[in-house]
Protein backbone atom coordinates (compact mmCIF):
# COMPACT_ATOMS: atom_id res chain seq x y z
CA UNK A 1 132.70 110.94 66.46
CA UNK A 2 129.42 109.05 66.65
CA UNK A 3 126.40 110.63 68.30
CA UNK A 4 124.65 108.23 70.67
CA UNK A 5 120.89 108.13 70.16
CA UNK A 6 118.82 108.80 73.25
CA UNK A 7 116.43 106.08 74.39
CA UNK A 8 113.07 105.94 76.13
CA UNK A 9 110.93 103.12 77.46
CA UNK A 10 107.14 103.09 77.52
CA UNK A 11 105.43 100.81 80.03
CA UNK A 12 101.78 100.82 79.03
CA UNK A 13 98.88 99.02 77.43
CA UNK A 14 98.55 98.28 73.73
CA UNK A 15 95.82 100.08 71.77
CA UNK A 16 94.67 97.99 68.81
CA UNK A 17 93.48 101.12 66.98
CA UNK A 18 96.95 102.70 67.22
CA UNK A 19 95.72 106.00 68.63
CA UNK A 20 96.76 105.70 72.27
CA UNK A 21 98.85 103.47 74.54
CA UNK A 22 102.22 102.13 73.47
CA UNK A 23 101.45 102.79 69.81
CA UNK A 24 101.00 106.51 70.44
CA UNK A 25 104.03 106.50 72.74
CA UNK A 26 106.32 104.88 70.18
CA UNK A 27 105.17 107.21 67.40
CA UNK A 28 105.75 110.25 69.60
CA UNK A 29 109.16 109.13 70.86
CA UNK A 30 110.26 108.28 67.31
CA UNK A 31 109.06 111.66 66.08
CA UNK A 32 111.28 113.27 68.73
CA UNK A 33 114.33 111.39 67.46
CA UNK A 34 114.41 109.08 70.47
CA UNK A 35 114.78 105.30 70.19
CA UNK A 36 111.59 103.84 71.66
CA UNK A 37 111.24 100.58 73.59
CA UNK A 38 108.17 99.06 75.21
CA UNK A 39 106.97 96.77 77.98
CA UNK A 40 103.32 95.84 77.50
CA UNK A 41 101.13 95.82 80.61
CA UNK A 42 97.97 94.74 78.79
CA UNK A 43 96.47 94.08 75.39
CA UNK A 44 93.29 95.99 74.71
CA UNK A 45 90.66 95.64 72.03
CA UNK A 46 89.70 99.26 71.50
CA UNK A 47 89.20 102.08 69.07
CA UNK A 48 88.30 105.75 69.34
CA UNK A 49 84.79 104.92 70.51
CA UNK A 50 85.50 102.51 73.35
CA UNK A 51 87.31 99.57 74.91
CA UNK A 52 85.84 96.13 74.18
CA UNK A 53 88.11 93.94 76.28
CA UNK A 54 91.42 93.88 78.19
CA UNK A 55 93.91 91.02 78.49
CA UNK A 56 96.42 91.84 81.23
CA UNK A 57 100.06 90.70 81.17
CA UNK A 58 101.13 88.43 83.98
CA UNK A 59 103.47 89.98 86.55
CA UNK A 60 106.13 87.43 85.60
CA UNK A 61 105.97 88.29 81.91
CA UNK A 62 106.04 92.03 82.59
CA UNK A 63 109.10 91.53 84.79
CA UNK A 64 110.80 89.58 81.97
CA UNK A 65 110.12 92.42 79.52
CA UNK A 66 111.60 94.99 81.90
CA UNK A 67 114.67 92.86 82.59
CA UNK A 68 115.21 92.40 78.85
CA UNK A 69 115.18 96.15 78.24
CA UNK A 70 117.17 97.38 81.24
CA UNK A 71 119.95 94.78 80.91
CA UNK A 72 120.59 95.60 77.26
CA UNK A 73 119.53 99.13 76.22
CA UNK A 74 119.22 101.26 79.33
CA UNK A 75 116.54 103.93 78.83
CA UNK A 76 117.35 107.60 79.31
CA UNK A 77 113.72 108.14 80.34
CA UNK A 78 110.71 106.02 81.24
CA UNK A 79 107.04 106.79 80.53
CA UNK A 80 104.39 104.77 82.38
CA UNK A 81 100.79 104.67 81.25
CA UNK A 82 98.03 102.12 81.78
CA UNK A 83 98.71 99.79 84.72
CA UNK A 84 95.51 98.16 85.89
CA UNK A 85 96.38 95.97 88.90
CA UNK A 86 98.39 96.12 92.15
CA UNK A 87 100.54 93.15 91.10
CA UNK A 88 101.74 94.90 87.94
CA UNK A 89 102.34 98.16 89.81
CA UNK A 90 104.46 96.27 92.34
CA UNK A 91 106.56 94.66 89.58
CA UNK A 92 107.15 97.99 87.82
CA UNK A 93 108.09 99.77 91.05
CA UNK A 94 110.45 96.98 92.04
CA UNK A 95 112.23 96.96 88.67
CA UNK A 96 112.54 100.75 88.49
CA UNK A 97 114.22 100.74 91.89
CA UNK A 98 116.39 97.74 91.04
CA UNK A 99 117.77 99.34 87.89
CA UNK A 100 117.81 102.91 89.26
CA UNK A 101 115.71 104.19 86.38
CA UNK A 102 115.86 107.92 85.69
CA UNK A 103 113.49 110.58 84.34
CA UNK A 104 110.30 108.69 85.14
CA UNK A 105 107.06 110.21 83.82
CA UNK A 106 103.81 108.65 85.05
CA UNK A 107 100.53 109.27 83.27
CA UNK A 108 98.07 107.84 85.83
CA UNK A 109 95.59 106.45 83.32
CA UNK A 110 92.39 105.47 85.12
CA UNK A 111 89.61 106.03 82.60
CA UNK A 112 89.77 106.05 78.81
CA UNK A 113 88.53 109.03 76.79
CA UNK A 114 85.51 106.89 75.89
CA UNK A 115 84.70 106.42 79.60
CA UNK A 116 85.92 102.82 80.01
CA UNK A 117 87.69 102.10 83.33
CA UNK A 118 91.33 101.12 82.81
CA UNK A 119 92.39 100.65 86.45
CA UNK A 120 90.95 98.36 89.07
CA UNK A 121 89.66 99.98 92.26
CA UNK A 122 92.19 98.09 94.39
CA UNK A 123 95.13 99.44 92.36
CA UNK A 124 94.85 103.07 93.50
CA UNK A 125 96.61 102.57 96.84
CA UNK A 126 99.47 100.74 95.16
CA UNK A 127 99.75 103.48 92.56
CA UNK A 128 99.92 106.23 95.18
CA UNK A 129 102.11 104.32 97.61
CA UNK A 130 104.60 102.57 95.31
CA UNK A 131 104.74 104.01 91.81
CA UNK A 132 103.99 107.74 91.93
CA UNK A 133 106.73 108.47 94.52
CA UNK A 134 109.32 107.21 91.99
CA UNK A 135 108.26 109.72 89.33
CA UNK A 136 110.01 112.92 88.36
CA UNK A 137 106.62 114.18 87.22
CA UNK A 138 103.09 112.81 86.98
CA UNK A 139 100.55 114.07 84.43
CA UNK A 140 96.98 113.59 85.70
CA UNK A 141 93.96 115.16 84.07
CA UNK A 142 91.34 116.78 86.29
CA UNK A 143 89.24 113.64 87.01
CA UNK A 144 92.40 111.67 87.82
CA UNK A 145 93.71 114.44 90.06
CA UNK A 146 90.37 114.54 91.89
CA UNK A 147 90.74 110.83 92.65
CA UNK A 148 94.38 111.09 93.74
CA UNK A 149 93.85 114.23 95.83
CA UNK A 150 90.44 113.13 97.14
CA UNK A 151 88.99 116.58 96.46
CA UNK A 152 86.83 118.21 93.76
CA UNK A 153 88.40 120.56 91.21
CA UNK A 154 86.16 123.33 89.87
CA UNK A 155 88.41 126.41 89.62
CA UNK A 156 91.99 127.47 88.96
CA UNK A 157 92.46 127.77 92.72
CA UNK A 158 91.24 124.18 93.10
CA UNK A 159 93.79 123.06 90.50
CA UNK A 160 96.59 124.78 92.38
CA UNK A 161 95.52 123.27 95.69
CA UNK A 162 95.16 119.76 94.27
CA UNK A 163 98.54 119.92 92.53
CA UNK A 164 100.19 121.18 95.70
CA UNK A 165 98.54 118.53 97.88
CA UNK A 166 99.50 115.71 95.50
CA UNK A 167 103.06 116.95 95.10
CA UNK A 168 103.67 117.42 98.81
CA UNK A 169 102.04 114.12 99.74
CA UNK A 170 103.74 111.98 97.10
CA UNK A 171 106.99 113.87 96.68
CA UNK A 172 107.12 114.53 92.93
CA UNK A 173 106.29 117.27 90.45
CA UNK A 174 102.72 117.39 89.16
CA UNK A 175 101.57 118.57 85.74
CA UNK A 176 97.82 118.97 86.18
CA UNK A 177 96.23 119.14 82.76
CA UNK A 178 93.33 121.44 82.01
CA UNK A 179 90.30 120.41 80.00
CA UNK A 180 87.04 118.79 81.10
CA UNK A 181 85.36 122.21 80.78
CA UNK A 182 87.96 123.88 83.01
CA UNK A 183 90.97 125.74 81.60
CA UNK A 184 90.70 123.80 78.37
CA UNK A 185 94.22 124.52 77.14
CA UNK A 186 95.90 125.66 80.35
CA UNK A 187 98.07 123.22 82.29
CA UNK A 188 99.59 123.72 85.73
CA UNK A 189 103.03 122.51 86.78
CA UNK A 190 103.64 122.36 90.53
CA UNK A 191 107.23 121.69 91.51
CA UNK A 192 109.33 122.42 94.57
CA UNK A 193 106.67 124.58 96.16
CA UNK A 194 106.01 126.76 93.11
CA UNK A 195 103.26 126.88 90.46
CA UNK A 196 103.83 127.61 86.79
CA UNK A 197 100.96 127.90 84.35
CA UNK A 198 101.41 126.82 80.74
CA UNK A 199 98.75 128.75 78.87
CA UNK A 200 97.43 127.70 75.49
CA UNK A 201 94.59 128.36 73.07
CA UNK A 202 91.64 126.01 72.81
CA UNK A 203 91.66 123.99 69.58
CA UNK A 204 88.25 122.66 68.56
CA UNK A 205 89.36 119.20 67.37
CA UNK A 206 87.19 116.13 68.11
CA UNK A 207 90.14 113.77 67.58
CA UNK A 208 91.55 113.73 71.12
CA UNK A 209 92.03 109.97 71.51
CA UNK A 210 95.57 109.45 72.82
CA UNK A 211 96.47 113.07 73.55
CA UNK A 212 97.40 112.25 77.16
CA UNK A 213 99.71 109.47 76.01
CA UNK A 214 101.28 111.76 73.42
CA UNK A 215 101.91 114.59 75.89
CA UNK A 216 103.53 112.39 78.55
CA UNK A 217 105.64 110.59 75.93
CA UNK A 218 106.81 113.90 74.51
CA UNK A 219 107.80 115.05 78.00
CA UNK A 220 109.74 111.82 78.58
CA UNK A 221 111.44 112.19 75.21
CA UNK A 222 112.49 115.76 76.00
CA UNK A 223 113.83 114.72 79.41
CA UNK A 224 115.78 111.91 77.74
CA UNK A 225 117.36 114.54 75.48
CA UNK A 226 118.54 116.56 78.49
CA UNK A 227 115.92 119.28 78.80
CA UNK A 228 114.88 120.68 82.15
CA UNK A 229 111.42 119.64 83.30
CA UNK A 230 109.98 123.09 82.58
CA UNK A 231 111.40 123.13 79.05
CA UNK A 232 110.32 119.53 78.48
CA UNK A 233 106.73 120.41 79.39
CA UNK A 234 106.74 123.61 77.31
CA UNK A 235 108.05 121.87 74.19
CA UNK A 236 105.73 118.87 74.65
CA UNK A 237 102.70 121.13 74.98
CA UNK A 238 103.69 123.02 71.83
CA UNK A 239 104.16 119.73 70.00
CA UNK A 240 100.71 118.45 70.99
CA UNK A 241 99.06 121.77 70.15
CA UNK A 242 100.63 121.60 66.70
CA UNK A 243 99.27 118.11 66.17
CA UNK A 244 95.75 119.13 67.21
CA UNK A 245 95.84 122.30 65.12
CA UNK A 246 96.77 120.26 62.02
CA UNK A 247 93.32 118.61 62.19
CA UNK A 248 94.59 115.23 61.00
CA UNK A 249 91.77 113.12 59.59
CA UNK A 250 92.69 109.48 58.95
CA UNK A 251 89.82 109.30 56.50
CA UNK A 252 91.79 111.58 54.16
CA UNK A 253 94.49 108.97 53.68
CA UNK A 254 97.39 110.70 55.44
CA UNK A 255 99.17 108.36 57.81
CA UNK A 256 99.61 109.51 61.43
CA UNK A 257 103.24 108.37 61.53
CA UNK A 258 104.23 110.59 58.59
CA UNK A 259 102.20 113.44 60.06
CA UNK A 260 104.00 113.22 63.39
CA UNK A 261 107.41 113.14 61.74
CA UNK A 262 106.53 116.13 59.52
CA UNK A 263 105.13 118.02 62.51
CA UNK A 264 108.24 117.39 64.58
CA UNK A 265 110.62 118.32 61.75
CA UNK A 266 108.78 121.58 61.08
CA UNK A 267 108.62 122.40 64.79
CA UNK A 268 112.34 121.77 65.31
CA UNK A 269 113.19 123.96 62.31
CA UNK A 270 111.07 126.77 63.77
CA UNK A 271 112.78 126.48 67.16
CA UNK A 272 116.27 126.43 65.63
CA UNK A 273 115.43 129.46 63.48
């Protein structure tokens, strides 16, 4: 009897340096044993230090990409990253509803790690009104959650309030990521009226470009494989922590793809043991 491979679709921008965006998503999904597909929302000229320029897909072309995927290899989960304009958000929302997509994870990317803005100001209302309500879970960091919730976040209590407000307003689970000098390695999942903290140890690694993409893609991969949301988050967080702890330095000549596959294989062996 043949085992059918699980599938996942990333809808995001392309990172020419390979560290974030669809490149990070595909590497992460592949490392989790999931067949990865992509719909590109934008091409970016960027590296770990900044974004030089952005060339956005047309709504028509993005729609064609989504039709091509959903009518042939239906994804078991969908991860959505960088979407910079209301027109693209509308297309994605429309196609997800049309095809009844499942296990949708939205990483509401607004600003790159380098500080470059990746979402137009007029896209926020469309994001909150059309796309986020379709998600099973969204994964904002603290600055993104402050924008979505329209309130400052300075303490653990602020994190819990913001996650609750976002979840109850939008109608989906919220994984509010720590960091930004607050709860560096502690993430908060708010779902169905309850909070669950995922505690972790701080890892002093300067190579954090693409960690948000990796975490959300790992969650989507785990959901595609049938995990509960809580387990999907727990395993994804452990996976990312392992990657950061390994202190991968591309200058040493070890390829990130091989590193991710080795990391995943070792992690799975530990879990099975």
